[in-house]
């Protein structure tokens, strides 16, 4: 899990560092443009995705992935 976490952290860091490259090659994200503004919405969206990837990578590396995702998705999982 440590290797997978490091890979996810590296992907998140690349998303944050190379935001302009992702914007040029993959285009704008309409949801972020609608919700966060016309000029910086997609750039901010790519940075948010990068930060989320880094956070998920850290959670996986620490070995708490199962507990964290169970807690996160507990409102969606019915306990019967």
Foldseek 3Di string as FASTA:
>chain_A
DLVVLVVLLVVLVCLLVVVVVCCVPVHADVVQCVPPHPPCRRSVVSNVSSVVSNVQSVCVNVVNNVVVVCVVCVVVDDDD
